[in-house]
Amino acid sequence: MGRWEEVDVIPDATDAVAENFGWPCFEGDGRQDGWDFVPGCQALPAAAVTPPAYRGEHAGSLFFADYTGGCVFELRAGEDGRPDPGTVGLFARAGGGAVGPVELQAGPGGDL
């Protein structure tokens, strides 16, 4: 529990489909055993869960935003635990006429 992170995407918010991303019963690559005590999680089959658009293990990454480019980038931790510039990659890109990110903040739980 708490090992995975995911990004979920609703393909069409105007259709009649209510996607079920399975949280907190499912996250990342599958069922989260720490939630088995919840009856709804016990009854939720994997086939009923919409898979995430992106999933990955927590990796101590550094995220930074580029307003002009409309992107959020990620630097993964290197062997020494510090951000490794050789691992920079695109994490998210603004689309559909949206403007780029202005700032990134951590929430009360430490999430971006």
N, C-alpha and C. Protein backbone atom coordinates (compact mmCIF):
# COMPACT_ATOMS: atom_id res chain seq x y z
N MET A 1 0.85 -1.17 0.00
CA MET A 1 0.00 0.00 0.00
C MET A 1 0.90 1.24 0.00
N GLY A 2 0.57 2.24 -0.80
CA GLY A 2 1.35 3.46 -0.86
C GLY A 2 2.58 3.36 -1.74
N ARG A 3 2.72 2.27 -2.49
CA ARG A 3 3.90 2.08 -3.34
C ARG A 3 3.71 2.68 -4.72
N TRP A 4 2.49 2.71 -5.21
CA TRP A 4 2.19 3.12 -6.58
C TRP A 4 1.56 4.50 -6.64
N GLU A 5 1.70 5.10 -7.78
CA GLU A 5 1.00 6.36 -8.10
C GLU A 5 0.45 6.20 -9.50
N GLU A 6 -0.66 6.87 -9.77
CA GLU A 6 -1.25 6.77 -11.10
C GLU A 6 -1.91 8.06 -11.50
N VAL A 7 -2.08 8.21 -12.79
CA VAL A 7 -2.83 9.32 -13.36
C VAL A 7 -3.99 8.70 -14.13
N ASP A 8 -5.20 9.12 -13.80
CA ASP A 8 -6.40 8.61 -14.46
C ASP A 8 -6.95 9.66 -15.40
N VAL A 9 -7.50 9.22 -16.52
CA VAL A 9 -8.05 10.13 -17.52
C VAL A 9 -9.47 9.69 -17.86
N ILE A 10 -10.38 10.64 -17.81
CA ILE A 10 -11.76 10.40 -18.25
C ILE A 10 -11.80 10.79 -19.72
N PRO A 11 -11.95 9.82 -20.63
CA PRO A 11 -11.88 10.11 -22.06
C PRO A 11 -12.95 11.08 -22.55
N ASP A 12 -14.16 10.96 -22.02
CA ASP A 12 -15.25 11.84 -22.46
C ASP A 12 -16.16 12.13 -21.27
N ALA A 13 -15.96 13.28 -20.67
CA ALA A 13 -16.73 13.64 -19.48
C ALA A 13 -18.20 13.92 -19.78
N THR A 14 -18.55 14.00 -21.06
CA THR A 14 -19.94 14.30 -21.42
C THR A 14 -20.74 13.04 -21.74
N ASP A 15 -20.08 11.87 -21.79
CA ASP A 15 -20.83 10.66 -22.09
C ASP A 15 -21.49 10.10 -20.82
N ALA A 16 -22.24 9.05 -20.96
CA ALA A 16 -22.98 8.47 -19.84
C ALA A 16 -22.16 7.44 -19.06
N VAL A 17 -20.90 7.24 -19.44
CA VAL A 17 -20.05 6.25 -18.78
C VAL A 17 -19.45 6.86 -17.51
N ALA A 18 -19.60 6.14 -16.41
CA ALA A 18 -18.98 6.56 -15.15
C ALA A 18 -17.79 5.63 -14.91
N GLU A 19 -16.60 6.07 -15.30
CA GLU A 19 -15.41 5.24 -15.14
C GLU A 19 -15.16 4.96 -13.67
N ASN A 20 -14.75 3.74 -13.38
CA ASN A 20 -14.39 3.34 -12.02
C ASN A 20 -12.90 3.02 -12.05
N PHE A 21 -12.10 3.89 -11.46
CA PHE A 21 -10.65 3.70 -11.46
C PHE A 21 -10.19 2.82 -10.30
N GLY A 22 -11.14 2.39 -9.47
CA GLY A 22 -10.85 1.40 -8.45
C GLY A 22 -10.19 1.89 -7.17
N TRP A 23 -9.93 3.18 -7.06
CA TRP A 23 -9.22 3.67 -5.88
C TRP A 23 -10.14 3.65 -4.67
N PRO A 24 -9.68 3.27 -3.52
CA PRO A 24 -8.31 2.88 -3.15
C PRO A 24 -8.05 1.38 -3.28
N CYS A 25 -9.04 0.63 -3.74
CA CYS A 25 -8.89 -0.83 -3.83
C CYS A 25 -7.83 -1.23 -4.85
N PHE A 26 -7.75 -0.47 -5.95
CA PHE A 26 -6.76 -0.71 -7.00
C PHE A 26 -5.95 0.55 -7.19
N GLU A 27 -4.65 0.39 -7.39
CA GLU A 27 -3.80 1.53 -7.70
C GLU A 27 -2.55 1.01 -8.39
N GLY A 28 -2.09 1.74 -9.38
CA GLY A 28 -0.89 1.32 -10.10
C GLY A 28 -1.13 0.04 -10.87
N ASP A 29 -0.42 -1.01 -10.49
CA ASP A 29 -0.50 -2.28 -11.22
C ASP A 29 -1.53 -3.26 -10.70
N GLY A 30 -2.33 -2.91 -9.75
CA GLY A 30 -3.34 -3.88 -9.33
C GLY A 30 -3.96 -3.61 -7.97
N ARG A 31 -4.56 -4.68 -7.46
CA ARG A 31 -5.29 -4.61 -6.19
C ARG A 31 -4.34 -4.25 -5.05
N GLN A 32 -4.81 -3.40 -4.17
CA GLN A 32 -4.04 -3.00 -2.99
C GLN A 32 -4.53 -3.80 -1.80
N ASP A 33 -3.75 -4.79 -1.38
CA ASP A 33 -4.16 -5.71 -0.32
C ASP A 33 -4.51 -5.01 0.99
N GLY A 34 -3.95 -3.87 1.24
CA GLY A 34 -4.23 -3.15 2.48
C GLY A 34 -5.66 -2.68 2.61
N TRP A 35 -6.43 -2.77 1.55
CA TRP A 35 -7.84 -2.34 1.57
C TRP A 35 -8.80 -3.51 1.53
N ASP A 36 -8.32 -4.73 1.68
CA ASP A 36 -9.18 -5.91 1.62
C ASP A 36 -10.24 -5.94 2.71
N PHE A 37 -10.04 -5.19 3.79
CA PHE A 37 -11.03 -5.17 4.87
C PHE A 37 -12.30 -4.40 4.49
N VAL A 38 -12.25 -3.63 3.41
CA VAL A 38 -13.41 -2.85 2.96
C VAL A 38 -14.27 -3.76 2.09
N PRO A 39 -15.55 -3.98 2.47
CA PRO A 39 -16.40 -4.88 1.69
C PRO A 39 -16.49 -4.52 0.21
N GLY A 40 -16.54 -3.24 -0.12
CA GLY A 40 -16.60 -2.83 -1.52
C GLY A 40 -15.36 -3.24 -2.30
N CYS A 41 -14.21 -3.25 -1.64
CA CYS A 41 -12.98 -3.68 -2.30
C CYS A 41 -12.98 -5.19 -2.53
N GLN A 42 -13.49 -5.93 -1.57
CA GLN A 42 -13.55 -7.38 -1.71
C GLN A 42 -14.42 -7.77 -2.89
N ALA A 43 -15.48 -7.01 -3.14
CA ALA A 43 -16.45 -7.35 -4.19
C ALA A 43 -16.10 -6.77 -5.56
N LEU A 44 -15.09 -5.90 -5.64
CA LEU A 44 -14.77 -5.23 -6.90
C LEU A 44 -13.82 -6.07 -7.75
N PRO A 45 -14.31 -6.61 -8.89
CA PRO A 45 -13.43 -7.41 -9.73
C PRO A 45 -12.51 -6.51 -10.58
N ALA A 46 -11.33 -7.01 -10.87
CA ALA A 46 -10.36 -6.24 -11.67
C ALA A 46 -10.94 -5.87 -13.03
N ALA A 47 -11.79 -6.72 -13.59
CA ALA A 47 -12.36 -6.44 -14.92
C ALA A 47 -13.28 -5.22 -14.91
N ALA A 48 -13.74 -4.80 -13.74
CA ALA A 48 -14.64 -3.64 -13.64
C ALA A 48 -13.89 -2.33 -13.45
N VAL A 49 -12.57 -2.40 -13.35
CA VAL A 49 -11.76 -1.22 -13.07
C VAL A 49 -11.14 -0.68 -14.36
N THR A 50 -11.30 0.63 -14.58
CA THR A 50 -10.67 1.30 -15.72
C THR A 50 -9.19 1.46 -15.41
N PRO A 51 -8.28 0.95 -16.25
CA PRO A 51 -6.85 1.06 -15.95
C PRO A 51 -6.37 2.50 -16.05
N PRO A 52 -5.31 2.84 -15.31
CA PRO A 52 -4.79 4.20 -15.36
C PRO A 52 -4.10 4.52 -16.69
N ALA A 53 -4.08 5.81 -17.02
CA ALA A 53 -3.36 6.26 -18.21
C ALA A 53 -1.86 6.21 -17.97
N TYR A 54 -1.45 6.41 -16.74
CA TYR A 54 -0.04 6.34 -16.36
C TYR A 54 0.04 5.72 -14.98
N ARG A 55 1.01 4.87 -14.78
CA ARG A 55 1.25 4.31 -13.46
C ARG A 55 2.75 4.17 -13.25
N GLY A 56 3.16 4.31 -12.03
CA GLY A 56 4.58 4.15 -11.72
C GLY A 56 4.79 4.04 -10.24
N GLU A 57 5.92 3.45 -9.89
CA GLU A 57 6.26 3.34 -8.48
C GLU A 57 6.77 4.68 -7.98
N HIS A 58 6.56 4.93 -6.70
CA HIS A 58 7.12 6.14 -6.11
C HIS A 58 8.64 6.04 -6.24
N ALA A 59 9.25 7.09 -6.72
CA ALA A 59 10.70 7.02 -7.00
C ALA A 59 11.45 8.23 -6.49
N GLY A 60 10.88 9.00 -5.60
CA GLY A 60 11.59 10.15 -5.08
C GLY A 60 11.93 11.16 -6.16
N SER A 61 11.04 11.34 -7.11
CA SER A 61 11.29 12.23 -8.24
C SER A 61 11.13 13.70 -7.86
N LEU A 62 11.80 14.54 -8.62
CA LEU A 62 11.65 15.98 -8.54
C LEU A 62 10.82 16.41 -9.75
N PHE A 63 9.75 17.14 -9.52
CA PHE A 63 8.90 17.62 -10.60
C PHE A 63 9.08 19.12 -10.75
N PHE A 64 9.11 19.59 -12.00
CA PHE A 64 9.18 21.03 -12.24
C PHE A 64 8.33 21.36 -13.45
N ALA A 65 7.80 22.58 -13.45
CA ALA A 65 6.85 23.00 -14.47
C ALA A 65 7.46 24.04 -15.40
N ASP A 66 6.98 24.02 -16.64
CA ASP A 66 7.37 25.00 -17.66
C ASP A 66 6.09 25.61 -18.21
N TYR A 67 5.79 26.83 -17.78
CA TYR A 67 4.54 27.49 -18.20
C TYR A 67 4.48 27.67 -19.71
N THR A 68 5.53 28.20 -20.30
CA THR A 68 5.54 28.49 -21.73
C THR A 68 5.38 27.22 -22.56
N GLY A 69 6.05 26.16 -22.18
CA GLY A 69 5.95 24.90 -22.90
C GLY A 69 4.71 24.10 -22.54
N GLY A 70 4.01 24.51 -21.48
CA GLY A 70 2.80 23.82 -21.07
C GLY A 70 3.06 22.41 -20.57
N CYS A 71 4.19 22.22 -19.87
CA CYS A 71 4.58 20.86 -19.47
C CYS A 71 4.97 20.80 -18.00
N VAL A 72 4.88 19.59 -17.46
CA VAL A 72 5.47 19.25 -16.17
C VAL A 72 6.49 18.16 -16.47
N PHE A 73 7.71 18.34 -15.98
CA PHE A 73 8.78 17.39 -16.20
C PHE A 73 9.12 16.68 -14.90
N GLU A 74 9.76 15.54 -15.03
CA GLU A 74 10.16 14.74 -13.88
C GLU A 74 11.65 14.41 -13.98
N LEU A 75 12.34 14.56 -12.87
CA LEU A 75 13.73 14.08 -12.74
C LEU A 75 13.68 12.95 -11.72
N ARG A 76 14.05 11.75 -12.13
CA ARG A 76 14.04 10.62 -11.21
C ARG A 76 15.31 10.63 -10.35
N ALA A 77 15.21 9.97 -9.23
CA ALA A 77 16.35 9.89 -8.32
C ALA A 77 17.43 8.99 -8.91
N GLY A 78 18.67 9.42 -8.76
CA GLY A 78 19.81 8.62 -9.19
C GLY A 78 20.24 7.67 -8.09
N GLU A 79 21.36 7.01 -8.30
CA GLU A 79 21.88 6.05 -7.33
C GLU A 79 22.12 6.68 -5.96
N ASP A 80 22.48 7.97 -5.95
CA ASP A 80 22.76 8.66 -4.70
C ASP A 80 21.51 9.24 -4.05
N GLY A 81 20.34 9.04 -4.67
CA GLY A 81 19.10 9.55 -4.12
C GLY A 81 18.77 10.97 -4.54
N ARG A 82 19.70 11.63 -5.21
CA ARG A 82 19.48 13.00 -5.67
C ARG A 82 18.93 12.98 -7.09
N PRO A 83 18.20 14.04 -7.51
CA PRO A 83 17.68 14.08 -8.89
C PRO A 83 18.81 13.94 -9.91
N ASP A 84 18.61 13.04 -10.87
CA ASP A 84 19.61 12.75 -11.89
C ASP A 84 19.19 13.44 -13.19
N PRO A 85 19.93 14.49 -13.65
CA PRO A 85 19.56 15.21 -14.87
C PRO A 85 19.48 14.31 -16.10
N GLY A 86 20.11 13.16 -16.09
CA GLY A 86 20.04 12.24 -17.22
C GLY A 86 18.73 11.49 -17.32
N THR A 87 17.85 11.67 -16.32
CA THR A 87 16.58 10.96 -16.32
C THR A 87 15.39 11.87 -16.58
N VAL A 88 15.64 13.10 -16.99
CA VAL A 88 14.53 14.04 -17.19
C VAL A 88 13.57 13.49 -18.25
N GLY A 89 12.28 13.62 -17.96
CA GLY A 89 11.27 13.15 -18.90
C GLY A 89 9.99 13.94 -18.75
N LEU A 90 9.19 13.90 -19.77
CA LEU A 90 7.90 14.58 -19.76
C LEU A 90 6.95 13.81 -18.85
N PHE A 91 6.34 14.48 -17.89
CA PHE A 91 5.36 13.86 -17.00
C PHE A 91 3.94 14.17 -17.45
N ALA A 92 3.69 15.42 -17.85
CA ALA A 92 2.35 15.82 -18.30
C ALA A 92 2.47 17.02 -19.23
N ARG A 93 1.55 17.10 -20.18
CA ARG A 93 1.51 18.22 -21.12
C ARG A 93 0.10 18.77 -21.16
N ALA A 94 -0.04 20.10 -21.13
CA ALA A 94 -1.35 20.74 -21.25
C ALA A 94 -1.89 20.47 -22.65
N GLY A 95 -3.16 20.29 -22.75
CA GLY A 95 -3.76 20.02 -24.06
C GLY A 95 -5.13 20.65 -24.17
N GLY A 96 -5.66 20.62 -25.36
CA GLY A 96 -7.02 21.11 -25.57
C GLY A 96 -7.18 22.60 -25.32
N GLY A 97 -6.16 23.38 -25.61
CA GLY A 97 -6.25 24.82 -25.42
C GLY A 97 -5.93 25.28 -24.00
N ALA A 98 -5.59 24.34 -23.10
CA ALA A 98 -5.26 24.71 -21.73
C ALA A 98 -3.91 25.40 -21.69
N VAL A 99 -3.75 26.33 -20.77
CA VAL A 99 -2.46 27.01 -20.59
C VAL A 99 -1.57 26.14 -19.72
N GLY A 100 -0.30 26.45 -19.69
CA GLY A 100 0.66 25.67 -18.92
C GLY A 100 0.52 25.89 -17.43
N PRO A 101 1.17 25.03 -16.66
CA PRO A 101 1.12 25.14 -15.20
C PRO A 101 1.83 26.39 -14.73
N VAL A 102 1.28 27.04 -13.74
CA VAL A 102 1.87 28.26 -13.18
C VAL A 102 2.78 27.90 -12.00
N GLU A 103 2.34 26.94 -11.20
CA GLU A 103 3.16 26.51 -10.07
C GLU A 103 2.74 25.10 -9.65
N LEU A 104 3.61 24.43 -8.91
CA LEU A 104 3.32 23.13 -8.33
C LEU A 104 3.37 23.27 -6.84
N GLN A 105 2.44 22.62 -6.15
CA GLN A 105 2.43 22.67 -4.69
C GLN A 105 2.16 21.30 -4.14
N ALA A 106 2.70 21.04 -2.96
CA ALA A 106 2.41 19.80 -2.26
C ALA A 106 1.20 20.02 -1.37
N GLY A 107 0.30 19.03 -1.37
CA GLY A 107 -0.87 19.09 -0.53
C GLY A 107 -0.53 18.66 0.89
N PRO A 108 -1.54 18.65 1.77
CA PRO A 108 -1.31 18.31 3.17
C PRO A 108 -0.72 16.90 3.37
N GLY A 109 -1.02 15.98 2.44
CA GLY A 109 -0.50 14.63 2.54
C GLY A 109 0.85 14.45 1.85
N GLY A 110 1.40 15.55 1.30
CA GLY A 110 2.67 15.48 0.60
C GLY A 110 2.55 15.17 -0.88
N ASP A 111 1.33 15.00 -1.37
CA ASP A 111 1.12 14.72 -2.79
C ASP A 111 1.26 16.00 -3.61
N LEU A 112 1.72 15.84 -4.86
CA LEU A 112 1.90 16.98 -5.76
C LEU A 112 0.55 17.49 -6.21
